[in-house]
Amino acid sequence: MIHPQDRKVIQTISHPGENLSPQLLALLVFIMELVSSFISILVGYQASKGYKASSAKGFLFLYMGFMVLGVGIFLRAITALFFVLAIRTTETLPTSLVSLSNVAGIIFTVTQLAAYSLFTVTYAFQARSLGQRDLEAVGTVAAAVFPIARLFYIPALELLAISML
């Protein structure tokens, strides 16, 4: 027989988001975005140190890719915080705020596209240095096929980015 207190613990473990307020969830998302941005910039910094030590072009593109990705994630976190604060202070959303949200989504998508393209170039340089032409061809095709015309955020973008990498 399960004790009532144990039943509550089991319910909390099986449905962890039910007991959290939307404000706390927004705060957690904001903190995780900042942590992700910091990690990306830190990886970019380490790649810049690798580039300075070895002068390998792959490290340069890796550095630029992670820095662009880190800045894009940071801008998305700050923009999301701005929108959360703006929504809390107004009762109706002005259309300018909605259009600003669309522009912010486009900017993040462009930074993500640029970063993943730089990662593809990194793989192409790695393939050239190792003499593997197949990997270079796949990276070039992935960069050419990537949907540049669709700059709005779409859920399939993450799947395409993974396939690029």
N, C-alpha and C. Protein backbone atom coordinates (compact mmCIF):
# COMPACT_ATOMS: atom_id res chain seq x y z
N MET A 1 0.84 -1.18 0.00
CA MET A 1 0.00 0.00 0.00
C MET A 1 0.89 1.24 0.00
N ILE A 2 0.57 2.21 -0.87
CA ILE A 2 1.37 3.44 -0.99
C ILE A 2 0.80 4.48 -0.03
N HIS A 3 1.70 5.05 0.74
CA HIS A 3 1.32 6.10 1.68
C HIS A 3 0.93 7.36 0.90
N PRO A 4 -0.05 8.17 1.40
CA PRO A 4 -0.47 9.38 0.67
C PRO A 4 0.66 10.36 0.39
N GLN A 5 1.61 10.50 1.31
CA GLN A 5 2.74 11.40 1.06
C GLN A 5 3.62 10.86 -0.07
N ASP A 6 3.83 9.56 -0.10
CA ASP A 6 4.60 8.95 -1.18
C ASP A 6 3.89 9.11 -2.51
N ARG A 7 2.57 9.04 -2.50
CA ARG A 7 1.80 9.21 -3.73
C ARG A 7 2.01 10.61 -4.30
N LYS A 8 2.09 11.62 -3.41
CA LYS A 8 2.32 13.00 -3.86
C LYS A 8 3.72 13.15 -4.45
N VAL A 9 4.71 12.50 -3.83
CA VAL A 9 6.08 12.55 -4.35
C VAL A 9 6.14 11.88 -5.72
N ILE A 10 5.48 10.74 -5.87
CA ILE A 10 5.47 10.03 -7.15
C ILE A 10 4.79 10.89 -8.21
N GLN A 11 3.69 11.56 -7.84
CA GLN A 11 3.00 12.42 -8.81
C GLN A 11 3.88 13.60 -9.21
N THR A 12 4.61 14.17 -8.25
CA THR A 12 5.50 15.30 -8.56
C THR A 12 6.63 14.86 -9.48
N ILE A 13 7.16 13.67 -9.26
CA ILE A 13 8.25 13.17 -10.10
C ILE A 13 7.74 12.85 -11.51
N SER A 14 6.55 12.28 -11.61
CA SER A 14 6.05 11.90 -12.93
C SER A 14 5.55 13.09 -13.74
N HIS A 15 5.15 14.18 -13.07
CA HIS A 15 4.68 15.39 -13.76
C HIS A 15 5.36 16.60 -13.12
N PRO A 16 6.66 16.82 -13.42
CA PRO A 16 7.40 17.87 -12.70
C PRO A 16 6.96 19.28 -13.05
N GLY A 17 6.41 19.54 -14.23
CA GLY A 17 6.07 20.90 -14.63
C GLY A 17 4.74 21.38 -14.10
N GLU A 18 3.93 20.49 -13.54
CA GLU A 18 2.61 20.89 -13.08
C GLU A 18 2.67 21.85 -11.90
N ASN A 19 3.64 21.71 -11.04
CA ASN A 19 3.70 22.51 -9.82
C ASN A 19 4.47 23.82 -10.01
N LEU A 20 5.03 24.05 -11.18
CA LEU A 20 5.81 25.26 -11.42
C LEU A 20 4.92 26.34 -12.03
N SER A 21 5.11 27.55 -11.57
CA SER A 21 4.33 28.66 -12.13
C SER A 21 4.92 29.05 -13.49
N PRO A 22 4.14 29.71 -14.33
CA PRO A 22 4.67 30.15 -15.63
C PRO A 22 5.83 31.12 -15.49
N GLN A 23 5.80 31.94 -14.44
CA GLN A 23 6.91 32.88 -14.22
C GLN A 23 8.20 32.14 -13.90
N LEU A 24 8.09 31.09 -13.09
CA LEU A 24 9.28 30.31 -12.76
C LEU A 24 9.81 29.56 -13.97
N LEU A 25 8.91 29.03 -14.79
CA LEU A 25 9.34 28.36 -16.01
C LEU A 25 10.02 29.33 -16.96
N ALA A 26 9.48 30.55 -17.09
CA ALA A 26 10.10 31.56 -17.95
C ALA A 26 11.48 31.93 -17.43
N LEU A 27 11.62 32.02 -16.11
CA LEU A 27 12.92 32.33 -15.52
C LEU A 27 13.92 31.21 -15.78
N LEU A 28 13.47 29.96 -15.65
CA LEU A 28 14.35 28.82 -15.93
C LEU A 28 14.79 28.80 -17.39
N VAL A 29 13.86 29.08 -18.30
CA VAL A 29 14.21 29.12 -19.72
C VAL A 29 15.23 30.23 -19.98
N PHE A 30 15.02 31.39 -19.38
CA PHE A 30 15.94 32.51 -19.55
C PHE A 30 17.33 32.15 -19.03
N ILE A 31 17.39 31.53 -17.86
CA ILE A 31 18.69 31.15 -17.28
C ILE A 31 19.37 30.12 -18.17
N MET A 32 18.63 29.15 -18.67
CA MET A 32 19.23 28.11 -19.53
C MET A 32 19.71 28.71 -20.85
N GLU A 33 18.98 29.69 -21.39
CA GLU A 33 19.43 30.37 -22.61
C GLU A 33 20.75 31.10 -22.35
N LEU A 34 20.85 31.77 -21.21
CA LEU A 34 22.10 32.47 -20.89
C LEU A 34 23.25 31.48 -20.69
N VAL A 35 22.97 30.35 -20.04
CA VAL A 35 24.01 29.32 -19.85
C VAL A 35 24.44 28.76 -21.20
N SER A 36 23.48 28.51 -22.09
CA SER A 36 23.81 28.00 -23.43
C SER A 36 24.66 29.01 -24.19
N SER A 37 24.30 30.27 -24.08
CA SER A 37 25.08 31.32 -24.75
C SER A 37 26.50 31.36 -24.21
N PHE A 38 26.63 31.30 -22.90
CA PHE A 38 27.95 31.32 -22.28
C PHE A 38 28.80 30.13 -22.73
N ILE A 39 28.20 28.95 -22.76
CA ILE A 39 28.93 27.75 -23.18
C ILE A 39 29.38 27.88 -24.64
N SER A 40 28.50 28.38 -25.49
CA SER A 40 28.85 28.55 -26.90
C SER A 40 30.01 29.53 -27.07
N ILE A 41 29.95 30.64 -26.35
CA ILE A 41 31.03 31.63 -26.44
C ILE A 41 32.31 31.06 -25.85
N LEU A 42 32.21 30.26 -24.80
CA LEU A 42 33.40 29.63 -24.22
C LEU A 42 34.04 28.64 -25.18
N VAL A 43 33.22 27.85 -25.88
CA VAL A 43 33.75 26.93 -26.89
C VAL A 43 34.41 27.72 -28.02
N GLY A 44 33.78 28.83 -28.43
CA GLY A 44 34.38 29.69 -29.45
C GLY A 44 35.72 30.25 -29.01
N TYR A 45 35.81 30.63 -27.74
CA TYR A 45 37.08 31.14 -27.22
C TYR A 45 38.16 30.06 -27.26
N GLN A 46 37.79 28.84 -26.87
CA GLN A 46 38.76 27.74 -26.92
C GLN A 46 39.20 27.46 -28.35
N ALA A 47 38.26 27.57 -29.30
CA ALA A 47 38.62 27.37 -30.71
C ALA A 47 39.56 28.47 -31.18
N SER A 48 39.38 29.71 -30.68
CA SER A 48 40.29 30.79 -31.07
C SER A 48 41.69 30.53 -30.53
N LYS A 49 41.77 29.96 -29.33
CA LYS A 49 43.08 29.61 -28.79
C LYS A 49 43.73 28.51 -29.64
N GLY A 50 42.91 27.55 -30.11
CA GLY A 50 43.43 26.51 -30.99
C GLY A 50 43.90 27.08 -32.31
N TYR A 51 43.18 28.08 -32.83
CA TYR A 51 43.58 28.71 -34.08
C TYR A 51 44.90 29.47 -33.91
N LYS A 52 45.04 30.17 -32.80
CA LYS A 52 46.28 30.92 -32.55
C LYS A 52 47.47 29.98 -32.40
N ALA A 53 47.23 28.81 -31.82
CA ALA A 53 48.32 27.87 -31.61
C ALA A 53 48.71 27.11 -32.87
N SER A 54 47.71 26.78 -33.72
CA SER A 54 48.02 25.92 -34.87
C SER A 54 47.84 26.60 -36.23
N SER A 55 47.20 27.73 -36.28
CA SER A 55 46.91 28.45 -37.53
C SER A 55 46.09 27.61 -38.51
N ALA A 56 45.31 26.67 -38.00
CA ALA A 56 44.45 25.84 -38.85
C ALA A 56 43.16 26.61 -39.13
N LYS A 57 42.80 26.72 -40.41
CA LYS A 57 41.61 27.47 -40.80
C LYS A 57 40.32 26.89 -40.21
N GLY A 58 40.31 25.58 -39.96
CA GLY A 58 39.14 24.95 -39.37
C GLY A 58 38.80 25.54 -38.01
N PHE A 59 39.84 25.81 -37.22
CA PHE A 59 39.61 26.42 -35.91
C PHE A 59 39.06 27.83 -36.03
N LEU A 60 39.48 28.56 -37.06
CA LEU A 60 38.97 29.91 -37.26
C LEU A 60 37.48 29.88 -37.56
N PHE A 61 37.04 28.99 -38.45
CA PHE A 61 35.62 28.91 -38.78
C PHE A 61 34.82 28.35 -37.60
N LEU A 62 35.41 27.46 -36.84
CA LEU A 62 34.75 26.94 -35.65
C LEU A 62 34.58 28.06 -34.62
N TYR A 63 35.61 28.86 -34.45
CA TYR A 63 35.54 30.02 -33.55
C TYR A 63 34.43 30.97 -33.98
N MET A 64 34.42 31.33 -35.26
CA MET A 64 33.41 32.28 -35.73
C MET A 64 32.00 31.69 -35.60
N GLY A 65 31.84 30.41 -35.89
CA GLY A 65 30.54 29.77 -35.79
C GLY A 65 30.00 29.77 -34.37
N PHE A 66 30.83 29.39 -33.42
CA PHE A 66 30.36 29.35 -32.03
C PHE A 66 30.13 30.75 -31.47
N MET A 67 30.92 31.71 -31.89
CA MET A 67 30.70 33.07 -31.42
C MET A 67 29.38 33.63 -31.98
N VAL A 68 29.12 33.40 -33.26
CA VAL A 68 27.86 33.86 -33.86
C VAL A 68 26.68 33.15 -33.19
N LEU A 69 26.81 31.86 -32.96
CA LEU A 69 25.74 31.11 -32.30
C LEU A 69 25.52 31.61 -30.88
N GLY A 70 26.58 31.86 -30.15
CA GLY A 70 26.46 32.36 -28.78
C GLY A 70 25.81 33.72 -28.71
N VAL A 71 26.20 34.61 -29.63
CA VAL A 71 25.57 35.94 -29.66
C VAL A 71 24.10 35.82 -30.04
N GLY A 72 23.78 34.94 -30.98
CA GLY A 72 22.38 34.75 -31.38
C GLY A 72 21.54 34.22 -30.23
N ILE A 73 22.05 33.26 -29.48
CA ILE A 73 21.32 32.73 -28.33
C ILE A 73 21.16 33.80 -27.26
N PHE A 74 22.21 34.58 -27.04
CA PHE A 74 22.12 35.66 -26.05
C PHE A 74 21.07 36.68 -26.45
N LEU A 75 21.06 37.06 -27.72
CA LEU A 75 20.06 38.02 -28.19
C LEU A 75 18.65 37.46 -28.06
N ARG A 76 18.48 36.16 -28.33
CA ARG A 76 17.17 35.54 -28.18
C ARG A 76 16.73 35.56 -26.72
N ALA A 77 17.65 35.32 -25.79
CA ALA A 77 17.31 35.33 -24.36
C ALA A 77 16.90 36.73 -23.91
N ILE A 78 17.67 37.73 -24.34
CA ILE A 78 17.35 39.11 -23.96
C ILE A 78 16.03 39.53 -24.59
N THR A 79 15.80 39.16 -25.83
CA THR A 79 14.54 39.51 -26.50
C THR A 79 13.36 38.83 -25.82
N ALA A 80 13.52 37.57 -25.44
CA ALA A 80 12.44 36.85 -24.75
C ALA A 80 12.14 37.51 -23.41
N LEU A 81 13.18 37.93 -22.69
CA LEU A 81 12.97 38.64 -21.43
C LEU A 81 12.22 39.94 -21.67
N PHE A 82 12.58 40.67 -22.70
CA PHE A 82 11.89 41.92 -23.03
C PHE A 82 10.41 41.66 -23.32
N PHE A 83 10.12 40.61 -24.09
CA PHE A 83 8.73 40.32 -24.42
C PHE A 83 7.94 39.88 -23.19
N VAL A 84 8.56 39.11 -22.31
CA VAL A 84 7.86 38.70 -21.09
C VAL A 84 7.54 39.92 -20.24
N LEU A 85 8.50 40.82 -20.11
CA LEU A 85 8.25 42.04 -19.33
C LEU A 85 7.22 42.94 -20.01
N ALA A 86 7.26 43.03 -21.33
CA ALA A 86 6.29 43.86 -22.05
C ALA A 86 4.88 43.29 -21.94
N ILE A 87 4.78 41.98 -21.99
CA ILE A 87 3.46 41.35 -21.89
C ILE A 87 2.89 41.53 -20.49
N ARG A 88 3.75 41.51 -19.49
CA ARG A 88 3.26 41.68 -18.12
C ARG A 88 2.80 43.09 -17.85
N THR A 89 3.34 44.08 -18.57
CA THR A 89 2.97 45.47 -18.29
C THR A 89 1.79 45.95 -19.12
N THR A 90 1.48 45.30 -20.22
CA THR A 90 0.35 45.71 -21.06
C THR A 90 -0.72 44.64 -21.06
N GLU A 91 -1.96 45.08 -21.22
CA GLU A 91 -3.05 44.11 -21.26
C GLU A 91 -3.29 43.59 -22.66
N THR A 92 -3.09 44.43 -23.67
CA THR A 92 -3.23 44.00 -25.06
C THR A 92 -1.89 44.18 -25.75
N LEU A 93 -1.59 43.27 -26.61
CA LEU A 93 -0.33 43.34 -27.34
C LEU A 93 -0.47 44.26 -28.55
N PRO A 94 0.36 45.29 -28.63
CA PRO A 94 0.32 46.12 -29.84
C PRO A 94 0.88 45.35 -31.03
N THR A 95 0.42 45.72 -32.22
CA THR A 95 0.88 45.02 -33.42
C THR A 95 2.37 45.26 -33.67
N SER A 96 2.88 46.39 -33.21
CA SER A 96 4.32 46.64 -33.38
C SER A 96 5.15 45.65 -32.58
N LEU A 97 4.62 45.22 -31.42
CA LEU A 97 5.34 44.25 -30.61
C LEU A 97 5.34 42.87 -31.29
N VAL A 98 4.24 42.55 -31.93
CA VAL A 98 4.16 41.28 -32.66
C VAL A 98 5.12 41.29 -33.84
N SER A 99 5.17 42.40 -34.58
CA SER A 99 6.09 42.47 -35.72
C SER A 99 7.54 42.48 -35.24
N LEU A 100 7.79 43.10 -34.09
CA LEU A 100 9.14 43.07 -33.53
C LEU A 100 9.53 41.65 -33.14
N SER A 101 8.58 40.89 -32.66
CA SER A 101 8.81 39.48 -32.35
C SER A 101 9.18 38.70 -33.60
N ASN A 102 8.51 38.98 -34.71
CA ASN A 102 8.84 38.31 -35.97
C ASN A 102 10.24 38.67 -36.44
N VAL A 103 10.62 39.94 -36.30
CA VAL A 103 11.97 40.37 -36.70
C VAL A 103 13.01 39.69 -35.82
N ALA A 104 12.74 39.58 -34.52
CA ALA A 104 13.68 38.91 -33.62
C ALA A 104 13.84 37.44 -34.01
N GLY A 105 12.74 36.80 -34.41
CA GLY A 105 12.83 35.41 -34.86
C GLY A 105 13.66 35.27 -36.12
N ILE A 106 13.51 36.22 -37.02
CA ILE A 106 14.30 36.20 -38.26
C ILE A 106 15.79 36.39 -37.94
N ILE A 107 16.09 37.32 -37.04
CA ILE A 107 17.49 37.57 -36.69
C ILE A 107 18.11 36.33 -36.06
N PHE A 108 17.38 35.67 -35.15
CA PHE A 108 17.94 34.46 -34.55
C PHE A 108 18.14 33.37 -35.59
N THR A 109 17.19 33.22 -36.50
CA THR A 109 17.32 32.20 -37.54
C THR A 109 18.51 32.48 -38.43
N VAL A 110 18.73 33.75 -38.76
CA VAL A 110 19.88 34.12 -39.60
C VAL A 110 21.19 33.83 -38.87
N THR A 111 21.27 34.16 -37.58
CA THR A 111 22.51 33.87 -36.85
C THR A 111 22.74 32.37 -36.74
N GLN A 112 21.66 31.61 -36.54
CA GLN A 112 21.78 30.16 -36.48
C GLN A 112 22.22 29.60 -37.83
N LEU A 113 21.64 30.12 -38.90
CA LEU A 113 22.01 29.68 -40.25
C LEU A 113 23.48 29.99 -40.53
N ALA A 114 23.92 31.19 -40.15
CA ALA A 114 25.31 31.57 -40.38
C ALA A 114 26.25 30.67 -39.57
N ALA A 115 25.90 30.40 -38.31
CA ALA A 115 26.76 29.56 -37.48
C ALA A 115 26.85 28.14 -38.04
N TYR A 116 25.73 27.57 -38.43
CA TYR A 116 25.75 26.21 -38.96
C TYR A 116 26.46 26.15 -40.31
N SER A 117 26.38 27.22 -41.08
CA SER A 117 27.13 27.26 -42.34
C SER A 117 28.63 27.30 -42.06
N LEU A 118 29.02 28.05 -41.04
CA LEU A 118 30.44 28.08 -40.66
C LEU A 118 30.90 26.71 -40.15
N PHE A 119 30.02 26.00 -39.45
CA PHE A 119 30.37 24.64 -39.01
C PHE A 119 30.55 23.72 -40.21
N THR A 120 29.71 23.91 -41.24
CA THR A 120 29.83 23.11 -42.45
C THR A 120 31.16 23.39 -43.15
N VAL A 121 31.56 24.66 -43.18
CA VAL A 121 32.85 25.03 -43.77
C VAL A 121 33.99 24.40 -42.96
N THR A 122 33.82 24.36 -41.64
CA THR A 122 34.83 23.72 -40.79
C THR A 122 35.00 22.25 -41.16
N TYR A 123 33.87 21.57 -41.35
CA TYR A 123 33.94 20.16 -41.74
C TYR A 123 34.57 20.01 -43.12
N ALA A 124 34.31 20.93 -44.02
CA ALA A 124 34.91 20.86 -45.34
C ALA A 124 36.44 21.01 -45.25
N PHE A 125 36.90 21.95 -44.42
CA PHE A 125 38.35 22.10 -44.24
C PHE A 125 38.95 20.87 -43.57
N GLN A 126 38.21 20.29 -42.63
CA GLN A 126 38.70 19.07 -41.97
C GLN A 126 38.81 17.93 -42.98
N ALA A 127 37.81 17.81 -43.85
CA ALA A 127 37.84 16.75 -44.86
C ALA A 127 39.00 16.96 -45.83
N ARG A 128 39.24 18.20 -46.20
CA ARG A 128 40.35 18.49 -47.13
C ARG A 128 41.68 18.14 -46.50
N SER A 129 41.84 18.47 -45.21
CA SER A 129 43.12 18.18 -44.57
C SER A 129 43.33 16.69 -44.37
N LEU A 130 42.23 15.94 -44.25
CA LEU A 130 42.35 14.49 -44.09
C LEU A 130 42.29 13.74 -45.41
N GLY A 131 42.01 14.47 -46.49
CA GLY A 131 41.94 13.84 -47.80
C GLY A 131 40.64 13.12 -48.06
N GLN A 132 39.59 13.43 -47.32
CA GLN A 132 38.29 12.79 -47.50
C GLN A 132 37.39 13.70 -48.32
N ARG A 133 37.24 13.42 -49.58
CA ARG A 133 36.43 14.25 -50.47
C ARG A 133 34.93 14.03 -50.27
N ASP A 134 34.54 12.86 -49.76
CA ASP A 134 33.11 12.58 -49.57
C ASP A 134 32.49 13.54 -48.55
N LEU A 135 33.18 13.76 -47.43
CA LEU A 135 32.67 14.64 -46.39
C LEU A 135 32.57 16.07 -46.90
N GLU A 136 33.52 16.50 -47.70
CA GLU A 136 33.49 17.85 -48.26
C GLU A 136 32.30 18.01 -49.20
N ALA A 137 32.03 17.01 -50.01
CA ALA A 137 30.89 17.08 -50.93
C ALA A 137 29.57 17.12 -50.18
N VAL A 138 29.45 16.33 -49.11
CA VAL A 138 28.22 16.34 -48.32
C VAL A 138 28.02 17.70 -47.66
N GLY A 139 29.08 18.29 -47.14
CA GLY A 139 28.97 19.61 -46.52
C GLY A 139 28.59 20.68 -47.52
N THR A 140 29.13 20.62 -48.72
CA THR A 140 28.79 21.60 -49.75
C THR A 140 27.35 21.45 -50.19
N VAL A 141 26.90 20.23 -50.37
CA VAL A 141 25.51 20.01 -50.76
C VAL A 141 24.56 20.46 -49.65
N ALA A 142 24.89 20.15 -48.39
CA ALA A 142 24.04 20.56 -47.27
C ALA A 142 23.95 22.07 -47.18
N ALA A 143 25.05 22.77 -47.43
CA ALA A 143 25.03 24.23 -47.38
C ALA A 143 24.20 24.81 -48.52
N ALA A 144 24.24 24.18 -49.69
CA ALA A 144 23.49 24.69 -50.83
C ALA A 144 22.00 24.39 -50.71
N VAL A 145 21.65 23.27 -50.10
CA VAL A 145 20.25 22.86 -50.03
C VAL A 145 19.54 23.52 -48.85
N PHE A 146 20.26 24.03 -47.89
CA PHE A 146 19.64 24.62 -46.70
C PHE A 146 18.67 25.72 -47.11
N PRO A 147 17.46 25.75 -46.55
CA PRO A 147 16.42 26.68 -47.03
C PRO A 147 16.65 28.12 -46.59
N ILE A 148 17.40 28.85 -47.37
CA ILE A 148 17.71 30.24 -47.05
C ILE A 148 16.47 31.12 -47.18
N ALA A 149 15.58 30.80 -48.10
CA ALA A 149 14.40 31.63 -48.32
C ALA A 149 13.44 31.60 -47.14
N ARG A 150 13.43 30.53 -46.37
CA ARG A 150 12.50 30.42 -45.24
C ARG A 150 13.22 30.83 -43.97
N LEU A 151 13.26 32.12 -43.69
CA LEU A 151 14.01 32.63 -42.56
C LEU A 151 13.21 32.64 -41.26
N PHE A 152 11.91 32.39 -41.31
CA PHE A 152 11.13 32.37 -40.09
C PHE A 152 11.43 31.09 -39.33
N TYR A 153 11.22 31.15 -38.04
CA TYR A 153 11.49 29.98 -37.21
C TYR A 153 10.51 28.88 -37.56
N ILE A 154 11.06 27.73 -37.86
CA ILE A 154 10.24 26.55 -38.12
C ILE A 154 10.82 25.41 -37.30
N PRO A 155 9.97 24.55 -36.77
CA PRO A 155 10.48 23.45 -35.94
C PRO A 155 11.45 22.53 -36.68
N ALA A 156 11.28 22.40 -37.97
CA ALA A 156 12.16 21.52 -38.74
C ALA A 156 13.58 22.08 -38.87
N LEU A 157 13.79 23.35 -38.50
CA LEU A 157 15.12 23.96 -38.61
C LEU A 157 16.14 23.21 -37.76
N GLU A 158 15.74 22.81 -36.58
CA GLU A 158 16.66 22.07 -35.73
C GLU A 158 17.04 20.73 -36.36
N LEU A 159 16.07 20.07 -36.95
CA LEU A 159 16.35 18.80 -37.61
C LEU A 159 17.29 19.00 -38.80
N LEU A 160 17.07 20.05 -39.57
CA LEU A 160 17.95 20.35 -40.70
C LEU A 160 19.35 20.72 -40.24
N ALA A 161 19.41 21.47 -39.13
CA ALA A 161 20.72 21.84 -38.60
C ALA A 161 21.49 20.62 -38.15
N ILE A 162 20.79 19.69 -37.52
CA ILE A 162 21.46 18.46 -37.11
C ILE A 162 21.96 17.68 -38.31
N SER A 163 21.14 17.65 -39.38
CA SER A 163 21.57 16.92 -40.56
C SER A 163 22.74 17.60 -41.25
N MET A 164 22.84 18.94 -41.13
CA MET A 164 24.00 19.65 -41.68
C MET A 164 25.27 19.26 -40.93
N LEU A 165 25.15 19.10 -39.64
CA LEU A 165 26.32 18.80 -38.83
C LEU A 165 26.64 17.33 -38.93
